[in-house]
N, C-alpha and C. Protein backbone atom coordinates (compact mmCIF):
# COMPACT_ATOMS: atom_id res chain seq x y z
N MET A 1 33.77 -9.75 -10.14
CA MET A 1 33.74 -11.14 -9.71
C MET A 1 32.26 -11.46 -9.59
N VAL A 2 31.90 -12.69 -9.93
CA VAL A 2 30.50 -13.19 -9.84
C VAL A 2 30.51 -14.35 -8.88
N ASP A 3 29.57 -14.36 -7.90
CA ASP A 3 29.60 -15.50 -7.01
C ASP A 3 28.64 -16.58 -7.54
N LEU A 4 28.42 -17.65 -6.80
CA LEU A 4 27.55 -18.75 -7.24
C LEU A 4 26.14 -18.41 -7.37
N GLU A 5 25.74 -17.29 -6.80
CA GLU A 5 24.36 -16.81 -6.94
C GLU A 5 24.19 -15.88 -8.05
N GLY A 6 25.32 -15.48 -8.72
CA GLY A 6 25.23 -14.62 -9.94
C GLY A 6 25.36 -13.16 -9.60
N GLN A 7 25.75 -12.81 -8.34
CA GLN A 7 25.86 -11.38 -8.00
C GLN A 7 27.20 -10.91 -8.52
N ASP A 8 27.12 -9.70 -9.06
CA ASP A 8 28.32 -9.10 -9.66
C ASP A 8 29.07 -8.33 -8.60
N HIS A 9 30.43 -8.57 -8.45
CA HIS A 9 31.21 -7.91 -7.44
C HIS A 9 32.38 -7.15 -8.08
N GLY A 10 32.33 -6.88 -9.31
CA GLY A 10 33.39 -6.07 -9.94
C GLY A 10 33.70 -6.65 -11.33
N PRO A 11 34.37 -5.83 -12.06
CA PRO A 11 34.48 -6.09 -13.55
C PRO A 11 35.63 -7.11 -13.93
N SER A 12 36.72 -7.33 -13.24
CA SER A 12 37.80 -8.02 -13.78
C SER A 12 38.18 -9.30 -13.05
N SER A 13 37.20 -9.83 -12.22
CA SER A 13 37.53 -11.04 -11.59
C SER A 13 36.26 -11.96 -11.49
N SER A 14 36.40 -13.21 -11.12
CA SER A 14 35.36 -14.09 -10.97
C SER A 14 35.63 -15.04 -9.79
N SER A 15 34.63 -15.73 -9.37
CA SER A 15 34.87 -16.66 -8.21
C SER A 15 34.88 -18.09 -8.76
N VAL A 16 35.64 -18.94 -8.04
CA VAL A 16 35.73 -20.33 -8.44
C VAL A 16 34.40 -21.03 -8.14
N GLY A 17 33.93 -21.75 -9.10
CA GLY A 17 32.74 -22.57 -8.97
C GLY A 17 31.50 -21.95 -9.64
N ASP A 18 31.71 -20.80 -10.40
CA ASP A 18 30.62 -20.20 -11.05
C ASP A 18 29.77 -21.08 -11.96
N ASN A 19 30.45 -22.01 -12.64
CA ASN A 19 29.74 -22.84 -13.63
C ASN A 19 29.62 -24.27 -13.23
N ASP A 20 29.76 -24.61 -11.98
CA ASP A 20 29.57 -25.99 -11.58
C ASP A 20 28.18 -26.30 -11.14
N ASP A 21 27.33 -26.56 -12.14
CA ASP A 21 25.89 -26.78 -11.89
C ASP A 21 25.55 -27.99 -11.00
N ASP A 22 26.35 -29.07 -11.04
CA ASP A 22 26.17 -30.13 -10.17
C ASP A 22 26.22 -29.79 -8.71
N PHE A 23 27.29 -29.02 -8.40
CA PHE A 23 27.42 -28.58 -6.97
C PHE A 23 26.22 -27.73 -6.54
N ILE A 24 25.75 -26.87 -7.44
CA ILE A 24 24.59 -25.94 -7.06
C ILE A 24 23.35 -26.76 -6.92
N VAL A 25 23.03 -27.72 -7.82
CA VAL A 25 21.75 -28.35 -7.84
C VAL A 25 21.67 -29.35 -6.68
N TYR A 26 22.68 -30.16 -6.45
CA TYR A 26 22.59 -31.29 -5.58
C TYR A 26 23.07 -31.05 -4.14
N SER A 27 23.77 -30.04 -3.90
CA SER A 27 24.32 -29.80 -2.56
C SER A 27 24.09 -28.38 -2.15
N LYS A 28 23.99 -28.13 -0.82
CA LYS A 28 23.80 -26.82 -0.29
C LYS A 28 25.10 -26.27 0.32
N GLU A 29 26.05 -27.24 0.57
CA GLU A 29 27.29 -26.81 1.12
C GLU A 29 28.35 -27.94 0.81
N GLY A 30 29.62 -27.61 1.02
CA GLY A 30 30.73 -28.56 0.81
C GLY A 30 31.90 -28.19 1.63
N ASN A 31 32.90 -28.98 1.62
CA ASN A 31 34.15 -28.77 2.31
C ASN A 31 35.31 -28.81 1.26
N ASN A 32 36.28 -27.97 1.43
CA ASN A 32 37.44 -28.00 0.53
C ASN A 32 38.31 -29.16 0.91
N ALA A 33 38.48 -30.09 0.00
CA ALA A 33 39.34 -31.23 0.27
C ALA A 33 40.81 -30.76 0.11
N ARG A 34 41.13 -30.19 -1.02
CA ARG A 34 42.48 -29.63 -1.24
C ARG A 34 42.56 -28.78 -2.52
N TRP A 35 43.50 -27.97 -2.50
CA TRP A 35 43.79 -27.06 -3.69
C TRP A 35 44.93 -27.61 -4.47
N PHE A 36 44.81 -27.62 -5.80
CA PHE A 36 45.86 -28.06 -6.73
C PHE A 36 46.71 -26.89 -7.24
N LYS A 37 46.18 -25.75 -7.07
CA LYS A 37 46.82 -24.47 -7.52
C LYS A 37 47.06 -23.57 -6.32
N LYS A 38 47.98 -22.64 -6.42
CA LYS A 38 48.21 -21.74 -5.28
C LYS A 38 48.07 -20.26 -5.81
N GLU A 39 47.87 -19.34 -4.93
CA GLU A 39 47.76 -17.97 -5.30
C GLU A 39 48.82 -17.50 -6.15
N GLY A 40 48.45 -16.82 -7.29
CA GLY A 40 49.47 -16.33 -8.25
C GLY A 40 49.68 -17.20 -9.39
N ASP A 41 49.19 -18.51 -9.31
CA ASP A 41 49.39 -19.39 -10.38
C ASP A 41 48.52 -19.04 -11.65
N GLU A 42 49.11 -19.20 -12.81
CA GLU A 42 48.34 -19.10 -14.07
C GLU A 42 47.56 -20.36 -14.21
N VAL A 43 46.30 -20.28 -14.57
CA VAL A 43 45.43 -21.50 -14.68
C VAL A 43 44.86 -21.48 -16.09
N SER A 44 44.94 -22.64 -16.65
CA SER A 44 44.41 -22.83 -18.06
C SER A 44 42.97 -23.54 -18.05
N VAL A 45 42.38 -23.45 -19.14
CA VAL A 45 41.02 -24.07 -19.29
C VAL A 45 41.17 -25.57 -19.04
N GLU A 46 40.25 -26.07 -18.23
CA GLU A 46 40.19 -27.49 -17.79
C GLU A 46 41.20 -27.89 -16.70
N ASP A 47 42.00 -26.99 -16.24
CA ASP A 47 42.88 -27.24 -15.10
C ASP A 47 41.94 -27.38 -13.84
N ILE A 48 42.33 -28.35 -13.04
CA ILE A 48 41.54 -28.58 -11.78
C ILE A 48 42.18 -27.57 -10.68
N LEU A 49 41.28 -26.69 -10.17
CA LEU A 49 41.72 -25.77 -9.12
C LEU A 49 41.72 -26.46 -7.77
N CYS A 50 40.58 -27.09 -7.43
CA CYS A 50 40.48 -27.66 -6.12
C CYS A 50 39.43 -28.82 -6.18
N GLU A 51 39.35 -29.58 -5.05
CA GLU A 51 38.37 -30.52 -4.88
C GLU A 51 37.47 -30.10 -3.72
N VAL A 52 36.13 -30.16 -4.00
CA VAL A 52 35.16 -29.85 -2.96
C VAL A 52 34.37 -31.12 -2.58
N GLU A 53 34.35 -31.44 -1.34
CA GLU A 53 33.61 -32.61 -0.89
C GLU A 53 32.20 -32.18 -0.49
N THR A 54 31.20 -32.90 -1.04
CA THR A 54 29.83 -32.66 -0.65
C THR A 54 29.30 -33.93 0.00
N ASP A 55 28.01 -33.87 0.44
CA ASP A 55 27.43 -35.06 1.02
C ASP A 55 27.20 -36.17 -0.09
N ASN A 56 27.21 -35.71 -1.35
CA ASN A 56 26.99 -36.61 -2.51
C ASN A 56 28.25 -37.11 -3.12
N ALA A 57 29.29 -36.35 -3.27
CA ALA A 57 30.51 -36.70 -4.00
C ALA A 57 31.58 -35.77 -3.72
N THR A 58 32.79 -36.03 -4.21
CA THR A 58 33.90 -35.15 -4.27
C THR A 58 33.91 -34.54 -5.67
N VAL A 59 33.80 -33.25 -5.80
CA VAL A 59 33.67 -32.55 -7.07
C VAL A 59 34.94 -31.77 -7.35
N ALA A 60 35.51 -32.00 -8.55
CA ALA A 60 36.64 -31.32 -9.03
C ALA A 60 36.22 -30.00 -9.60
N MET A 61 36.71 -28.88 -9.09
CA MET A 61 36.35 -27.58 -9.59
C MET A 61 37.29 -27.19 -10.77
N GLU A 62 36.83 -27.25 -11.93
CA GLU A 62 37.61 -27.07 -13.19
C GLU A 62 37.46 -25.67 -13.60
N CYS A 63 38.66 -25.18 -14.13
CA CYS A 63 38.62 -23.74 -14.56
C CYS A 63 38.08 -23.73 -16.05
N THR A 64 37.31 -22.72 -16.36
CA THR A 64 36.68 -22.58 -17.62
C THR A 64 37.24 -21.50 -18.52
N GLU A 65 38.28 -20.82 -18.04
CA GLU A 65 38.92 -19.82 -18.89
C GLU A 65 40.42 -19.61 -18.44
N GLU A 66 41.19 -18.93 -19.24
CA GLU A 66 42.60 -18.62 -18.96
C GLU A 66 42.64 -17.52 -17.96
N VAL A 67 43.09 -17.82 -16.68
CA VAL A 67 43.07 -16.76 -15.64
C VAL A 67 44.31 -17.00 -14.72
N PHE A 68 44.43 -16.12 -13.74
CA PHE A 68 45.38 -16.20 -12.69
C PHE A 68 44.57 -16.34 -11.37
N LEU A 69 45.00 -17.28 -10.48
CA LEU A 69 44.35 -17.38 -9.17
C LEU A 69 44.91 -16.32 -8.27
N ALA A 70 44.03 -15.35 -7.93
CA ALA A 70 44.43 -14.20 -7.19
C ALA A 70 44.37 -14.37 -5.71
N LYS A 71 43.29 -15.05 -5.17
CA LYS A 71 43.09 -15.15 -3.73
C LYS A 71 42.28 -16.40 -3.47
N ILE A 72 42.82 -17.28 -2.52
CA ILE A 72 42.05 -18.37 -2.04
C ILE A 72 41.44 -17.90 -0.76
N ILE A 73 40.13 -17.92 -0.64
CA ILE A 73 39.39 -17.53 0.51
C ILE A 73 39.31 -18.63 1.52
N HIS A 74 38.97 -19.86 1.05
CA HIS A 74 38.86 -21.04 1.93
C HIS A 74 39.97 -22.02 1.56
N GLY A 75 40.91 -22.25 2.40
CA GLY A 75 42.04 -23.13 2.14
C GLY A 75 41.74 -24.59 2.23
N ASP A 76 42.82 -25.45 2.12
CA ASP A 76 42.67 -26.89 2.27
C ASP A 76 41.99 -27.24 3.58
N GLY A 77 41.02 -28.14 3.52
CA GLY A 77 40.38 -28.62 4.70
C GLY A 77 39.27 -27.66 5.22
N ALA A 78 38.98 -26.54 4.58
CA ALA A 78 37.93 -25.64 5.03
C ALA A 78 36.62 -26.34 5.05
N LYS A 79 35.86 -26.14 6.13
CA LYS A 79 34.57 -26.82 6.33
C LYS A 79 33.39 -25.90 6.07
N VAL A 80 32.31 -26.46 5.63
CA VAL A 80 30.98 -25.86 5.47
C VAL A 80 31.05 -24.61 4.70
N ILE A 81 31.39 -24.78 3.42
CA ILE A 81 31.38 -23.67 2.43
C ILE A 81 29.97 -23.74 1.75
N LYS A 82 29.16 -22.70 1.92
CA LYS A 82 27.77 -22.73 1.37
C LYS A 82 27.83 -22.37 -0.07
N VAL A 83 26.83 -22.84 -0.85
CA VAL A 83 26.64 -22.45 -2.23
C VAL A 83 26.40 -20.92 -2.15
N GLY A 84 27.05 -20.20 -3.02
CA GLY A 84 26.95 -18.75 -3.05
C GLY A 84 28.17 -18.07 -2.36
N GLU A 85 28.84 -18.77 -1.50
CA GLU A 85 30.01 -18.16 -0.87
C GLU A 85 31.19 -18.19 -1.89
N VAL A 86 31.99 -17.14 -1.83
CA VAL A 86 33.17 -17.08 -2.72
C VAL A 86 34.20 -17.94 -2.06
N ASN A 87 34.79 -18.92 -2.94
CA ASN A 87 35.83 -19.82 -2.43
C ASN A 87 37.19 -19.32 -2.83
N ALA A 88 37.26 -18.59 -3.97
CA ALA A 88 38.52 -18.07 -4.43
C ALA A 88 38.23 -17.00 -5.49
N THR A 89 39.18 -16.20 -5.81
CA THR A 89 39.08 -15.16 -6.79
C THR A 89 40.04 -15.29 -7.90
N THR A 90 39.57 -15.14 -9.18
CA THR A 90 40.52 -15.28 -10.30
C THR A 90 40.53 -13.94 -10.99
N VAL A 91 41.56 -13.59 -11.72
CA VAL A 91 41.71 -12.40 -12.52
C VAL A 91 42.26 -12.72 -13.88
N GLU A 92 41.93 -11.89 -14.81
CA GLU A 92 42.50 -12.13 -16.23
C GLU A 92 43.86 -11.58 -16.41
N ASP A 93 44.22 -10.57 -15.70
CA ASP A 93 45.49 -9.81 -15.83
C ASP A 93 46.38 -10.08 -14.63
N GLU A 94 47.53 -10.66 -14.82
CA GLU A 94 48.44 -10.98 -13.73
C GLU A 94 48.70 -9.77 -12.82
N ASP A 95 48.76 -8.54 -13.41
CA ASP A 95 48.99 -7.35 -12.59
C ASP A 95 47.86 -7.06 -11.58
N ASP A 96 46.72 -7.65 -11.75
CA ASP A 96 45.60 -7.43 -10.83
C ASP A 96 45.66 -8.33 -9.60
N ILE A 97 46.53 -9.30 -9.57
CA ILE A 97 46.59 -10.18 -8.40
C ILE A 97 46.77 -9.47 -7.11
N ALA A 98 47.68 -8.49 -7.12
CA ALA A 98 47.99 -7.72 -5.86
C ALA A 98 46.76 -6.95 -5.32
N LYS A 99 45.85 -6.60 -6.19
CA LYS A 99 44.65 -5.91 -5.70
C LYS A 99 43.80 -6.70 -4.78
N PHE A 100 43.97 -8.09 -4.84
CA PHE A 100 43.14 -8.93 -3.99
C PHE A 100 43.88 -9.46 -2.84
N LYS A 101 45.01 -8.97 -2.48
CA LYS A 101 45.84 -9.47 -1.35
C LYS A 101 45.07 -9.42 -0.07
N ASP A 102 44.34 -8.35 0.22
CA ASP A 102 43.57 -8.25 1.47
C ASP A 102 42.12 -8.37 1.31
N TYR A 103 41.68 -8.94 0.10
CA TYR A 103 40.28 -9.06 -0.19
C TYR A 103 39.54 -10.02 0.77
N LYS A 104 38.38 -9.62 1.21
CA LYS A 104 37.48 -10.42 1.99
C LYS A 104 36.11 -10.28 1.43
N PRO A 105 35.49 -11.35 0.98
CA PRO A 105 34.15 -11.21 0.36
C PRO A 105 33.10 -10.87 1.40
N SER A 106 31.99 -10.23 0.95
CA SER A 106 30.90 -9.92 1.80
C SER A 106 30.24 -11.25 2.25
N GLN A 107 29.53 -11.31 3.36
CA GLN A 107 28.91 -12.49 3.83
C GLN A 107 27.75 -12.87 2.91
N LEU A 108 27.49 -14.22 2.83
CA LEU A 108 26.37 -14.71 2.04
C LEU A 108 25.15 -14.03 2.36
N GLY A 109 24.43 -13.49 1.40
CA GLY A 109 23.17 -12.77 1.66
C GLY A 109 23.37 -11.28 1.88
N ASP A 110 24.59 -10.77 2.06
CA ASP A 110 24.83 -9.43 2.18
C ASP A 110 24.68 -8.72 0.82
N SER A 111 23.88 -7.71 0.74
CA SER A 111 23.58 -7.05 -0.53
C SER A 111 24.58 -6.04 -0.97
N LYS A 112 25.59 -5.73 -0.10
CA LYS A 112 26.63 -4.79 -0.41
C LYS A 112 27.68 -5.46 -1.29
N GLU A 113 28.21 -4.70 -2.25
CA GLU A 113 29.26 -5.17 -3.13
C GLU A 113 30.57 -5.12 -2.35
N ALA A 114 31.48 -6.10 -2.60
CA ALA A 114 32.73 -6.10 -1.92
C ALA A 114 33.71 -5.21 -2.67
C-alpha cells in the first residue's frame, strides 16, 4: 500500500487518494462526506469511491485501477483526515480482502511500516 506521501506499506495494496493531486496541493486536510462503495466491493476505473470535503471544495475520489475495496479506515462523516493519512485500502486480488479485516495504519509521520 502507498499512502499520499508515497511511503510503501506492502506489495499488494494501495490507499485511496494516491493520485489526487488537487487534494494534495490545495488542502492539508479534509472530511469524508460519504462513501459510494463498501468494503468488499469490486471497483472499476473511474468509479467514485468517496467524496472528501476540503476548505476549498468537495473532491470526488476516483479509482484509477481495477481493484477491490478491502478496508475503509475513515467512514462517512469522518473529520480532519490529513494529507498522508490512509483513508482506505484496496487490493488487486479479492482473496486478499480478508487480510485487511483488522488492519490499522500507522500514524502520520510514523516511520514504521504497517
